[in-house]
PDB file of all heavy atoms in Angstrom:
ATOM      1  N   ALA A   1      40.724  86.705 156.876  1.00  0.00           N
ATOM      2  CA  ALA A   1      40.034  86.238 155.620  1.00  0.00           C
ATOM      3  C   ALA A   1      40.714  85.204 154.933  1.00  0.00           C
ATOM      4  O   ALA A   1      41.994  85.088 155.011  1.00  0.00           O
ATOM      5  CB  ALA A   1      39.919  87.568 154.650  1.00  0.00           C
ATOM      6  N   GLY A   2      40.034  84.231 154.257  1.00  0.00           N
ATOM      7  CA  GLY A   2      40.626  83.168 153.492  1.00  0.00           C
ATOM      8  C   GLY A   2      41.010  81.970 154.307  1.00  0.00           C
ATOM      9  O   GLY A   2      40.581  81.787 155.474  1.00  0.00           O
ATOM     10  N   VAL A   3      41.809  81.179 153.721  1.00  0.00           N
ATOM     11  CA  VAL A   3      42.259  79.854 154.253  1.00  0.00           C
ATOM     12  C   VAL A   3      43.570  80.054 154.863  1.00  0.00           C
ATOM     13  O   VAL A   3      44.470  80.584 154.244  1.00  0.00           O
ATOM     14  CB  VAL A   3      42.256  78.817 153.207  1.00  0.00           C
ATOM     15  CG1 VAL A   3      42.730  77.473 153.755  1.00  0.00           C
ATOM     16  CG2 VAL A   3      40.809  78.571 152.631  1.00  0.00           C
ATOM     17  N   ILE A   4      43.756  79.435 156.138  1.00  0.00           N
ATOM     18  CA  ILE A   4      45.117  79.346 156.643  1.00  0.00           C
ATOM     19  C   ILE A   4      45.637  77.889 156.511  1.00  0.00           C
ATOM     20  O   ILE A   4      45.066  77.030 157.239  1.00  0.00           O
ATOM     21  CB  ILE A   4      45.089  79.767 158.172  1.00  0.00           C
ATOM     22  CG1 ILE A   4      44.753  81.261 158.309  1.00  0.00           C
ATOM     23  CG2 ILE A   4      46.385  79.480 158.834  1.00  0.00           C
ATOM     24  CD1 ILE A   4      45.859  82.221 157.915  1.00  0.00           C
ATOM     25  N   SER A   5      46.618  77.716 155.634  1.00  0.00           N
ATOM     26  CA  SER A   5      47.123  76.415 155.403  1.00  0.00           C
ATOM     27  C   SER A   5      48.223  76.026 156.437  1.00  0.00           C
ATOM     28  O   SER A   5      48.718  76.916 157.101  1.00  0.00           O
ATOM     29  CB  SER A   5      47.712  76.368 153.972  1.00  0.00           C
ATOM     30  OG  SER A   5      48.773  77.272 153.790  1.00  0.00           O
ATOM     31  N   ASP A   6      48.605  74.852 156.370  1.00  0.00           N
ATOM     32  CA  ASP A   6      49.713  74.389 157.251  1.00  0.00           C
ATOM     33  C   ASP A   6      51.022  75.121 156.866  1.00  0.00           C
ATOM     34  O   ASP A   6      51.819  75.392 157.706  1.00  0.00           O
ATOM     35  CB  ASP A   6      49.906  72.910 157.178  1.00  0.00           C
ATOM     36  CG  ASP A   6      48.824  72.095 157.785  1.00  0.00           C
ATOM     37  OD1 ASP A   6      48.092  72.651 158.629  1.00  0.00           O
ATOM     38  OD2 ASP A   6      48.601  70.855 157.433  1.00  0.00           O
ATOM     39  N   THR A   7      51.175  75.377 155.605  1.00  0.00           N
ATOM     40  CA  THR A   7      52.358  76.090 155.073  1.00  0.00           C
ATOM     41  C   THR A   7      52.422  77.516 155.649  1.00  0.00           C
ATOM     42  O   THR A   7      53.474  77.914 156.153  1.00  0.00           O
ATOM     43  CB  THR A   7      52.363  76.176 153.551  1.00  0.00           C
ATOM     44  OG1 THR A   7      52.354  74.781 153.027  1.00  0.00           O
ATOM     45  CG2 THR A   7      53.588  76.869 153.061  1.00  0.00           C
ATOM     46  N   LYS A   8      51.232  78.206 155.609  1.00  0.00           N
ATOM     47  CA  LYS A   8      51.182  79.541 156.164  1.00  0.00           C
ATOM     48  C   LYS A   8      51.442  79.555 157.740  1.00  0.00           C
ATOM     49  O   LYS A   8      52.218  80.351 158.319  1.00  0.00           O
ATOM     50  CB  LYS A   8      49.821  80.241 155.874  1.00  0.00           C
ATOM     51  CG  LYS A   8      49.667  80.513 154.523  1.00  0.00           C
ATOM     52  CD  LYS A   8      48.305  81.157 154.246  1.00  0.00           C
ATOM     53  CE  LYS A   8      48.135  81.637 152.757  1.00  0.00           C
ATOM     54  NZ  LYS A   8      46.816  82.252 152.454  1.00  0.00           N
ATOM     55  N   LEU A   9      50.902  78.536 158.444  1.00  0.00           N
ATOM     56  CA  LEU A   9      51.131  78.383 159.806  1.00  0.00           C
ATOM     57  C   LEU A   9      52.638  78.276 160.136  1.00  0.00           C
ATOM     58  O   LEU A   9      53.102  78.845 161.069  1.00  0.00           O
ATOM     59  CB  LEU A   9      50.339  77.261 160.390  1.00  0.00           C
ATOM     60  CG  LEU A   9      48.822  77.432 160.456  1.00  0.00           C
ATOM     61  CD1 LEU A   9      48.193  76.046 160.948  1.00  0.00           C
ATOM     62  CD2 LEU A   9      48.464  78.549 161.436  1.00  0.00           C
ATOM     63  N   ALA A  10      53.281  77.408 159.314  1.00  0.00           N
ATOM     64  CA  ALA A  10      54.701  77.178 159.523  1.00  0.00           C
ATOM     65  C   ALA A  10      55.513  78.440 159.296  1.00  0.00           C
ATOM     66  O   ALA A  10      56.513  78.729 160.020  1.00  0.00           O
ATOM     67  CB  ALA A  10      55.170  76.137 158.484  1.00  0.00           C
ATOM     68  N   LYS A  11      55.158  79.254 158.365  1.00  0.00           N
ATOM     69  CA  LYS A  11      55.833  80.563 158.049  1.00  0.00           C
ATOM     70  C   LYS A  11      55.710  81.479 159.261  1.00  0.00           C
ATOM     71  O   LYS A  11      56.604  82.112 159.701  1.00  0.00           O
ATOM     72  CB  LYS A  11      55.264  81.152 156.786  1.00  0.00           C
ATOM     73  CG  LYS A  11      55.692  80.499 155.557  1.00  0.00           C
ATOM     74  CD  LYS A  11      55.218  81.186 154.339  1.00  0.00           C
ATOM     75  CE  LYS A  11      55.540  80.496 153.003  1.00  0.00           C
ATOM     76  NZ  LYS A  11      55.024  81.132 151.823  1.00  0.00           N
ATOM     77  N   LEU A  12      54.458  81.591 159.766  1.00  0.00           N
ATOM     78  CA  LEU A  12      54.204  82.451 160.833  1.00  0.00           C
ATOM     79  C   LEU A  12      54.998  82.006 162.086  1.00  0.00           C
ATOM     80  O   LEU A  12      55.464  82.819 162.903  1.00  0.00           O
ATOM     81  CB  LEU A  12      52.731  82.466 161.188  1.00  0.00           C
ATOM     82  CG  LEU A  12      51.831  83.180 160.123  1.00  0.00           C
ATOM     83  CD1 LEU A  12      50.299  82.852 160.491  1.00  0.00           C
ATOM     84  CD2 LEU A  12      52.027  84.698 160.212  1.00  0.00           C
ATOM     85  N   ARG A  13      55.040  80.728 162.332  1.00  0.00           N
ATOM     86  CA  ARG A  13      55.811  80.218 163.450  1.00  0.00           C
ATOM     87  C   ARG A  13      57.267  80.480 163.386  1.00  0.00           C
ATOM     88  O   ARG A  13      57.938  80.691 164.394  1.00  0.00           O
ATOM     89  CB  ARG A  13      55.582  78.682 163.596  1.00  0.00           C
ATOM     90  CG  ARG A  13      54.116  78.341 164.094  1.00  0.00           C
ATOM     91  CD  ARG A  13      53.934  76.843 163.958  1.00  0.00           C
ATOM     92  NE  ARG A  13      52.545  76.469 164.286  1.00  0.00           N
ATOM     93  CZ  ARG A  13      51.748  75.588 163.801  1.00  0.00           C
ATOM     94  NH1 ARG A  13      52.247  74.769 162.800  1.00  0.00           N
ATOM     95  NH2 ARG A  13      50.566  75.283 164.203  1.00  0.00           N
ATOM     96  N   LYS A  14      57.783  80.449 162.110  1.00  0.00           N
ATOM     97  CA  LYS A  14      59.275  80.604 161.912  1.00  0.00           C
ATOM     98  C   LYS A  14      59.619  82.003 162.009  1.00  0.00           C
ATOM     99  O   LYS A  14      60.652  82.425 162.548  1.00  0.00           O
ATOM    100  CB  LYS A  14      59.672  80.010 160.621  1.00  0.00           C
ATOM    101  CG  LYS A  14      61.156  80.082 160.325  1.00  0.00           C
ATOM    102  CD  LYS A  14      61.487  79.527 158.976  1.00  0.00           C
ATOM    103  CE  LYS A  14      63.010  79.526 158.652  1.00  0.00           C
ATOM    104  NZ  LYS A  14      63.259  78.951 157.356  1.00  0.00           N
ATOM    105  N   GLY A  15      58.695  82.893 161.486  1.00  0.00           N
ATOM    106  CA  GLY A  15      59.009  84.411 161.473  1.00  0.00           C
ATOM    107  C   GLY A  15      58.832  84.936 160.070  1.00  0.00           C
ATOM    108  O   GLY A  15      59.332  84.173 159.116  1.00  0.00           O
ATOM    109  N   VAL A  16      58.237  85.985 159.908  1.00  0.00           N
ATOM    110  CA  VAL A  16      58.002  86.578 158.559  1.00  0.00           C
ATOM    111  C   VAL A  16      58.479  88.028 158.475  1.00  0.00           C
ATOM    112  O   VAL A  16      58.707  88.681 159.470  1.00  0.00           O
ATOM    113  CB  VAL A  16      56.409  86.500 158.167  1.00  0.00           C
ATOM    114  CG1 VAL A  16      56.058  85.068 158.019  1.00  0.00           C
ATOM    115  CG2 VAL A  16      55.662  87.244 159.185  1.00  0.00           C
ATOM    116  N   ASP A  17      58.801  88.454 157.224  1.00  0.00           N
ATOM    117  CA  ASP A  17      59.240  89.824 156.986  1.00  0.00           C
ATOM    118  C   ASP A  17      57.987  90.730 156.887  1.00  0.00           C
ATOM    119  O   ASP A  17      57.175  90.495 156.101  1.00  0.00           O
ATOM    120  CB  ASP A  17      60.031  89.870 155.662  1.00  0.00           C
ATOM    121  CG  ASP A  17      60.697  91.225 155.413  1.00  0.00           C
ATOM    122  OD1 ASP A  17      60.235  92.234 155.931  1.00  0.00           O
ATOM    123  OD2 ASP A  17      61.718  91.275 154.757  1.00  0.00           O
ATOM    124  N   ILE A  18      57.946  91.701 157.806  1.00  0.00           N
ATOM    125  CA  ILE A  18      56.739  92.589 157.776  1.00  0.00           C
ATOM    126  C   ILE A  18      57.159  93.990 157.415  1.00  0.00           C
ATOM    127  O   ILE A  18      56.610  94.990 157.760  1.00  0.00           O
ATOM    128  CB  ILE A  18      56.132  92.656 159.163  1.00  0.00           C
ATOM    129  CG1 ILE A  18      57.100  93.099 160.289  1.00  0.00           C
ATOM    130  CG2 ILE A  18      55.455  91.262 159.506  1.00  0.00           C
ATOM    131  CD1 ILE A  18      56.410  93.298 161.652  1.00  0.00           C
ATOM    132  N   GLY A  19      58.207  94.001 156.533  1.00  0.00           N
ATOM    133  CA  GLY A  19      58.660  95.292 156.004  1.00  0.00           C
ATOM    134  C   GLY A  19      59.963  95.836 156.755  1.00  0.00           C
ATOM    135  O   GLY A  19      59.873  96.796 157.499  1.00  0.00           O
ATOM    136  N   GLY A  20      61.069  95.191 156.327  1.00  0.00           N
ATOM    137  CA  GLY A  20      62.324  95.571 156.925  1.00  0.00           C
ATOM    138  C   GLY A  20      62.545  94.944 158.379  1.00  0.00           C
ATOM    139  O   GLY A  20      63.486  95.318 159.003  1.00  0.00           O
ATOM    140  N   PHE A  21      61.641  94.144 158.826  1.00  0.00           N
ATOM    141  CA  PHE A  21      61.778  93.554 160.143  1.00  0.00           C
ATOM    142  C   PHE A  21      61.295  92.106 160.075  1.00  0.00           C
ATOM    143  O   PHE A  21      60.135  91.876 159.617  1.00  0.00           O
ATOM    144  CB  PHE A  21      61.017  94.286 161.219  1.00  0.00           C
ATOM    145  CG  PHE A  21      61.050  93.702 162.560  1.00  0.00           C
ATOM    146  CD1 PHE A  21      62.138  93.916 163.422  1.00  0.00           C
ATOM    147  CD2 PHE A  21      60.009  92.912 162.940  1.00  0.00           C
ATOM    148  CE1 PHE A  21      62.113  93.274 164.719  1.00  0.00           C
ATOM    149  CE2 PHE A  21      59.981  92.308 164.332  1.00  0.00           C
ATOM    150  CZ  PHE A  21      61.099  92.555 165.060  1.00  0.00           C
ATOM    151  N   VAL A  22      62.102  91.189 160.403  1.00  0.00           N
ATOM    152  CA  VAL A  22      61.692  89.788 160.454  1.00  0.00           C
ATOM    153  C   VAL A  22      61.269  89.386 161.825  1.00  0.00           C
ATOM    154  O   VAL A  22      62.053  89.584 162.808  1.00  0.00           O
ATOM    155  CB  VAL A  22      62.761  88.801 159.948  1.00  0.00           C
ATOM    156  CG1 VAL A  22      62.323  87.399 160.092  1.00  0.00           C
ATOM    157  CG2 VAL A  22      63.175  89.129 158.546  1.00  0.00           C
ATOM    158  N   THR A  23      60.039  88.889 162.003  1.00  0.00           N
ATOM    159  CA  THR A  23      59.531  88.687 163.365  1.00  0.00           C
ATOM    160  C   THR A  23      60.207  87.477 163.916  1.00  0.00           C
ATOM    161  O   THR A  23      60.629  86.567 163.306  1.00  0.00           O
ATOM    162  CB  THR A  23      57.952  88.406 163.345  1.00  0.00           C
ATOM    163  OG1 THR A  23      57.708  87.268 162.481  1.00  0.00           O
ATOM    164  CG2 THR A  23      57.236  89.662 162.785  1.00  0.00           C
ATOM    165  N   ALA A  24      60.178  87.438 165.284  1.00  0.00           N
ATOM    166  CA  ALA A  24      60.809  86.253 165.997  1.00  0.00           C
ATOM    167  C   ALA A  24      59.789  85.144 165.921  1.00  0.00           C
ATOM    168  O   ALA A  24      58.643  85.308 165.549  1.00  0.00           O
ATOM    169  CB  ALA A  24      60.987  86.653 167.534  1.00  0.00           C
ATOM    170  N   PRO A  25      60.284  83.892 166.232  1.00  0.00           N
ATOM    171  CA  PRO A  25      59.396  82.742 166.133  1.00  0.00           C
ATOM    172  C   PRO A  25      58.078  82.895 167.045  1.00  0.00           C
ATOM    173  O   PRO A  25      58.239  83.492 168.104  1.00  0.00           O
ATOM    174  CB  PRO A  25      60.259  81.627 166.723  1.00  0.00           C
ATOM    175  CG  PRO A  25      61.599  81.984 166.310  1.00  0.00           C
ATOM    176  CD  PRO A  25      61.663  83.526 166.443  1.00  0.00           C
TER     177      PRO A  25
END
C-alpha cells in the first residue's frame, strides 16, 4: 500500500529494524 520512495528503497537495501533484529542488506 502507498508510495515507495527512493528513500524507502535505500533503507530497505541497507537493512531495517524489524523488532530487535536489523535485517541484512
